[in-house]
Amino acid sequence: MTGLPDLPILGPDEEAADEPRTIIITGAAGNIGSKLARAWRERYDLILLDQRPGPDDLDVTIADLSVLSPDWADLFDEADTVVHLAADPRESAVWTDLEGPNLDALNNVFLSAANSGCERIIFASSNHAMGDYRFDGSVGPITATSPPKPDGPYGGCKLVGERLGLALSRFFDISVVALRIGWCQEGANRRETLPDDWSRSIWLSDRDMLQLLTRAVEADLGEEGFVVVNGVSRNAGTRWVVQGNALGYHPDDDAWG
């Protein structure tokens, strides 16, 4: 995978050095997926899935997750953890656009993971599951337990994923971590290219993104079967609360410098 910004290549997880985790990343050729695949390649055994990998993505298995098939579902038998990033990422998409990539694929991936005995699902939820808080200045901090306020079909699909994850965690021996990811820009993801105050409040730097996802994989959740965490950096003045999260995620970067 080429053309990616500099991110550290994480070394082996010392606690699991003798038997590294096997992680499936869906949407592995996308923005966050490709960054994770590069950073994690020496830390975990990776199985990379994407519907449309680029010409340089030689290690990515082509998979249309909206259609359940043993060609990709059988790979879940090999995995400890599933990081589900695959989706139509357009916040302006309508329901008919999202039915396959954001709902059918979600169900297929989550159920395949549960039925295969995977230990953990990490779901890329979104700030858009709470996006209408942007227009409601009367509401203070936005926490993981604030009432959901999706700002459209895309955010609604992310809320569906969170609730499905909660249900699976109750009926299967699996933990589910839902990350309400803010704005992790493609490419270098520099604070200087953020266009307005709202985008600064939800910015997630590449460094913090890598910490967040790694903590989501490795954190001991104890008796917690389902966890929601706001995936933003330590942005001055943000309403998005990350303190005290169950992952032990402590962001370092600030959109304001």
Protein backbone atom coordinates (compact mmCIF):
# COMPACT_ATOMS: atom_id res chain seq x y z
CA MET A 1 0.00 0.00 0.00
CA THR A 2 1.57 3.25 -1.10
CA GLY A 3 1.05 6.97 -0.69
CA LEU A 4 0.26 6.76 3.02
CA PRO A 5 1.37 9.29 5.63
CA ASP A 6 4.08 8.34 8.08
CA LEU A 7 2.67 6.28 10.93
CA PRO A 8 4.68 4.15 13.32
CA ILE A 9 4.91 0.47 12.50
CA LEU A 10 3.88 -1.07 15.78
CA GLY A 11 6.06 -3.91 17.02
CA PRO A 12 4.67 -7.15 18.43
CA ASP A 13 2.31 -7.01 21.37
CA GLU A 14 4.54 -8.31 24.17
CA GLU A 15 1.68 -10.00 26.02
CA ALA A 16 0.71 -11.92 22.87
CA ALA A 17 4.16 -12.30 21.33
CA ASP A 18 4.05 -16.11 21.30
CA GLU A 19 0.67 -16.20 19.60
CA PRO A 20 -0.17 -12.91 17.86
CA ARG A 21 -3.79 -12.02 17.36
CA THR A 22 -5.36 -12.65 14.00
CA ILE A 23 -7.42 -9.66 12.94
CA ILE A 24 -9.79 -9.25 10.03
CA ILE A 25 -10.02 -5.70 8.71
CA THR A 26 -12.98 -5.03 6.44
CA GLY A 27 -12.67 -1.98 4.20
CA ALA A 28 -8.92 -2.56 4.34
CA ALA A 29 -8.22 -0.52 1.20
CA GLY A 30 -10.03 2.53 2.55
CA ASN A 31 -8.68 5.51 4.44
CA ILE A 32 -8.46 4.14 7.98
CA GLY A 33 -8.17 0.51 6.89
CA SER A 34 -5.07 1.10 4.80
CA LYS A 35 -3.43 3.11 7.58
CA LEU A 36 -4.11 0.36 10.08
CA ALA A 37 -2.87 -2.37 7.75
CA ARG A 38 0.44 -0.56 7.38
CA ALA A 39 0.88 0.19 11.08
CA TRP A 40 -0.19 -3.25 12.32
CA ARG A 41 1.58 -5.49 9.83
CA GLU A 42 4.29 -6.52 12.31
CA ARG A 43 2.05 -6.61 15.40
CA TYR A 44 -0.81 -8.88 14.28
CA ASP A 45 -1.63 -11.48 11.68
CA LEU A 46 -3.92 -9.58 9.32
CA ILE A 47 -6.68 -10.77 7.00
CA LEU A 48 -7.63 -7.85 4.74
CA LEU A 49 -10.97 -7.62 2.96
CA ASP A 50 -12.29 -5.00 0.58
CA GLN A 51 -14.73 -4.92 -2.32
CA ARG A 52 -12.55 -2.69 -4.47
CA PRO A 53 -8.86 -2.92 -3.56
CA GLY A 54 -6.47 -0.76 -5.52
CA PRO A 55 -3.85 -2.17 -7.90
CA ASP A 56 -1.18 -2.01 -5.17
CA ASP A 57 -3.30 -3.80 -2.55
CA LEU A 58 -1.93 -7.25 -3.33
CA ASP A 59 -2.72 -8.71 0.09
CA VAL A 60 -6.39 -7.72 0.07
CA THR A 61 -9.04 -10.37 -0.56
CA ILE A 62 -11.86 -9.11 -2.76
CA ALA A 63 -15.16 -9.51 -0.91
CA ASP A 64 -18.65 -8.10 -1.41
CA LEU A 65 -19.76 -8.26 2.21
CA SER A 66 -23.35 -7.39 1.35
CA VAL A 67 -23.67 -10.90 -0.11
CA LEU A 68 -23.03 -13.69 2.39
CA SER A 69 -20.54 -16.12 0.88
CA PRO A 70 -18.23 -18.82 2.26
CA ASP A 71 -15.51 -17.33 0.05
CA TRP A 72 -15.03 -14.65 2.72
CA ALA A 73 -17.15 -15.81 5.67
CA ASP A 74 -14.97 -18.90 6.22
CA LEU A 75 -12.02 -16.59 6.89
CA PHE A 76 -13.70 -15.54 10.13
CA ASP A 77 -12.96 -19.00 11.55
CA GLU A 78 -9.30 -17.96 11.62
CA ALA A 79 -9.77 -14.64 13.41
CA ASP A 80 -9.75 -13.51 17.04
CA THR A 81 -10.92 -9.97 16.29
CA VAL A 82 -12.86 -8.24 13.52
CA VAL A 83 -12.43 -4.54 12.76
CA HIS A 84 -15.43 -3.60 10.66
CA LEU A 85 -14.70 -0.44 8.66
CA ALA A 86 -16.34 -1.32 5.34
CA ALA A 87 -19.24 0.95 4.41
CA ASP A 88 -20.39 3.61 1.98
CA PRO A 89 -18.77 6.59 3.77
CA ARG A 90 -20.87 9.34 2.22
CA GLU A 91 -22.71 11.28 4.91
CA SER A 92 -25.15 12.51 2.23
CA ALA A 93 -26.08 9.00 0.98
CA VAL A 94 -29.77 8.04 0.95
CA TRP A 95 -31.25 4.84 2.34
CA THR A 96 -31.29 3.06 -1.02
CA ASP A 97 -27.53 3.64 -1.35
CA LEU A 98 -26.83 2.30 2.13
CA GLU A 99 -29.01 -0.81 2.22
CA GLY A 100 -26.31 -3.13 0.85
CA PRO A 101 -22.95 -1.74 2.03
CA ASN A 102 -24.05 -0.31 5.39
CA LEU A 103 -26.88 -2.60 6.52
CA ASP A 104 -26.63 -5.98 4.75
CA ALA A 105 -22.84 -6.03 5.04
CA LEU A 106 -23.09 -5.02 8.70
CA ASN A 107 -25.42 -7.93 9.49
CA ASN A 108 -23.33 -10.42 7.52
CA VAL A 109 -20.06 -9.41 9.15
CA PHE A 110 -21.40 -9.26 12.71
CA LEU A 111 -23.20 -12.60 12.48
CA SER A 112 -20.25 -14.28 10.76
CA ALA A 113 -17.98 -13.08 13.56
CA ALA A 114 -20.33 -14.28 16.28
CA ASN A 115 -21.00 -17.65 14.67
CA SER A 116 -17.27 -18.24 14.08
CA GLY A 117 -16.40 -17.68 17.73
CA CYS A 118 -14.47 -14.44 17.33
CA GLU A 119 -13.67 -12.81 20.65
CA ARG A 120 -14.23 -9.17 19.73
CA ILE A 121 -15.86 -6.97 17.10
CA ILE A 122 -14.65 -3.39 16.72
CA PHE A 123 -17.23 -1.37 14.82
CA ALA A 124 -16.46 1.91 13.12
CA SER A 125 -19.48 3.87 14.20
CA SER A 126 -19.45 7.59 13.56
CA ASN A 127 -19.95 11.04 15.02
CA HIS A 128 -22.95 11.13 12.66
CA ALA A 129 -24.82 8.83 15.07
CA MET A 130 -24.89 11.95 17.26
CA GLY A 131 -24.59 14.50 14.47
CA ASP A 132 -27.72 16.53 15.22
CA TYR A 133 -26.07 17.76 18.42
CA ARG A 134 -24.11 20.05 16.12
CA PHE A 135 -27.24 22.14 15.70
CA ASP A 136 -28.32 22.02 19.33
CA GLY A 137 -26.04 24.32 21.27
CA SER A 138 -28.26 24.06 24.35
CA VAL A 139 -26.92 20.56 25.01
CA GLY A 140 -23.59 20.40 26.81
CA PRO A 141 -21.08 17.55 26.68
CA ILE A 142 -21.68 14.74 24.19
CA THR A 143 -20.92 11.51 26.00
CA ALA A 144 -21.13 7.84 25.09
CA THR A 145 -24.43 7.66 26.98
CA SER A 146 -26.07 10.79 25.57
CA PRO A 147 -29.34 10.07 23.73
CA PRO A 148 -28.61 9.29 20.06
CA LYS A 149 -29.31 12.02 17.51
CA PRO A 150 -28.41 10.79 14.00
CA ASP A 151 -28.20 13.52 11.39
CA GLY A 152 -29.38 11.41 8.45
CA PRO A 153 -29.50 7.89 6.99
CA TYR A 154 -25.73 7.41 7.27
CA GLY A 155 -25.78 8.23 10.98
CA GLY A 156 -28.90 6.09 11.39
CA CYS A 157 -27.07 3.09 9.96
CA LYS A 158 -24.26 3.61 12.44
CA LEU A 159 -26.76 3.64 15.30
CA VAL A 160 -28.22 0.36 13.97
CA GLY A 161 -24.72 -1.12 14.07
CA GLU A 162 -24.26 -0.05 17.67
CA ARG A 163 -27.56 -1.61 18.74
CA LEU A 164 -26.84 -4.83 16.85
CA GLY A 165 -23.47 -4.98 18.60
CA LEU A 166 -25.16 -4.57 21.97
CA ALA A 167 -27.56 -7.42 21.16
CA LEU A 168 -24.77 -9.75 20.02
CA SER A 169 -22.75 -9.06 23.17
CA ARG A 170 -25.72 -10.25 25.22
CA PHE A 171 -26.43 -13.44 23.28
CA PHE A 172 -22.92 -14.56 22.28
CA ASP A 173 -19.60 -14.85 24.08
CA ILE A 174 -18.23 -11.84 22.24
CA SER A 175 -17.31 -8.28 23.18
CA VAL A 176 -18.22 -5.37 20.92
CA VAL A 177 -16.52 -1.97 20.86
CA ALA A 178 -18.28 0.81 18.95
CA LEU A 179 -16.04 3.76 18.10
CA ARG A 180 -17.86 6.97 17.18
CA ILE A 181 -15.09 8.14 14.90
CA GLY A 182 -14.82 11.87 14.32
CA TRP A 183 -13.04 13.27 11.27
CA CYS A 184 -9.94 11.36 10.24
CA GLN A 185 -9.09 12.95 6.90
CA GLU A 186 -7.64 10.97 4.03
CA GLY A 187 -3.92 11.21 3.41
CA ALA A 188 -1.79 13.28 5.77
CA ASN A 189 -4.79 14.32 7.93
CA ARG A 190 -3.23 17.60 9.06
CA ARG A 191 -5.01 20.01 11.40
CA GLU A 192 -4.26 22.83 8.92
CA THR A 193 -6.70 21.38 6.38
CA LEU A 194 -9.72 21.30 8.73
CA PRO A 195 -12.31 23.74 7.33
CA ASP A 196 -14.30 24.92 10.36
CA ASP A 197 -14.75 24.79 14.12
CA TRP A 198 -17.06 21.75 14.07
CA SER A 199 -14.53 19.70 12.10
CA ARG A 200 -11.84 20.77 14.57
CA SER A 201 -14.02 19.64 17.48
CA ILE A 202 -14.35 16.12 16.00
CA TRP A 203 -10.87 15.77 14.48
CA LEU A 204 -9.12 12.43 15.03
CA SER A 205 -5.43 12.59 14.20
CA ASP A 206 -3.73 9.58 12.63
CA ARG A 207 -1.62 9.09 15.75
CA ASP A 208 -4.68 9.12 18.00
CA MET A 209 -6.61 6.93 15.56
CA LEU A 210 -3.88 4.30 15.77
CA GLN A 211 -3.86 4.45 19.57
CA LEU A 212 -7.67 4.25 19.67
CA LEU A 213 -7.92 1.20 17.43
CA THR A 214 -5.03 -0.57 19.11
CA ARG A 215 -6.58 -0.01 22.53
CA ALA A 216 -9.89 -1.28 21.14
CA VAL A 217 -8.15 -4.52 20.17
CA GLU A 218 -6.10 -5.02 23.31
CA ALA A 219 -8.01 -3.45 26.22
CA ASP A 220 -9.21 -5.78 28.95
CA LEU A 221 -12.89 -4.89 29.23
CA GLY A 222 -13.54 -7.08 32.25
CA GLU A 223 -17.26 -7.80 32.49
CA GLU A 224 -18.13 -5.14 29.92
CA GLY A 225 -19.52 -6.88 26.86
CA PHE A 226 -20.37 -3.71 24.96
CA VAL A 227 -18.50 -0.39 24.97
CA VAL A 228 -19.04 2.90 23.13
CA VAL A 229 -16.19 5.42 22.90
CA ASN A 230 -16.04 8.85 21.23
CA GLY A 231 -13.22 8.65 18.70
CA VAL A 232 -11.86 12.19 18.70
CA SER A 233 -8.54 13.79 19.56
CA ARG A 234 -7.86 16.05 22.58
CA ASN A 235 -9.31 19.09 20.84
CA ALA A 236 -9.56 22.26 22.91
CA GLY A 237 -13.16 23.23 23.65
CA THR A 238 -14.71 20.09 22.15
CA ARG A 239 -18.06 18.91 23.47
CA TRP A 240 -17.10 15.29 22.72
CA VAL A 241 -16.08 13.60 25.96
CA VAL A 242 -13.36 10.92 25.90
CA GLN A 243 -12.27 11.02 29.54
CA GLY A 244 -12.81 7.89 31.60
CA ASN A 245 -13.45 5.58 28.64
CA ALA A 246 -13.24 1.82 29.15
CA LEU A 247 -10.41 1.38 26.64
CA GLY A 248 -7.87 3.52 28.44
CA TYR A 249 -7.66 5.71 25.35
CA HIS A 250 -5.88 9.01 26.06
CA PRO A 251 -5.57 11.18 22.92
CA ASP A 252 -2.49 13.35 22.46
CA ASP A 253 -3.26 15.74 19.60
CA ASP A 254 -5.25 18.97 19.44
CA ALA A 255 -6.82 20.41 16.30
CA TRP A 256 -6.01 23.89 17.61
CA GLY A 257 -2.27 23.19 17.81
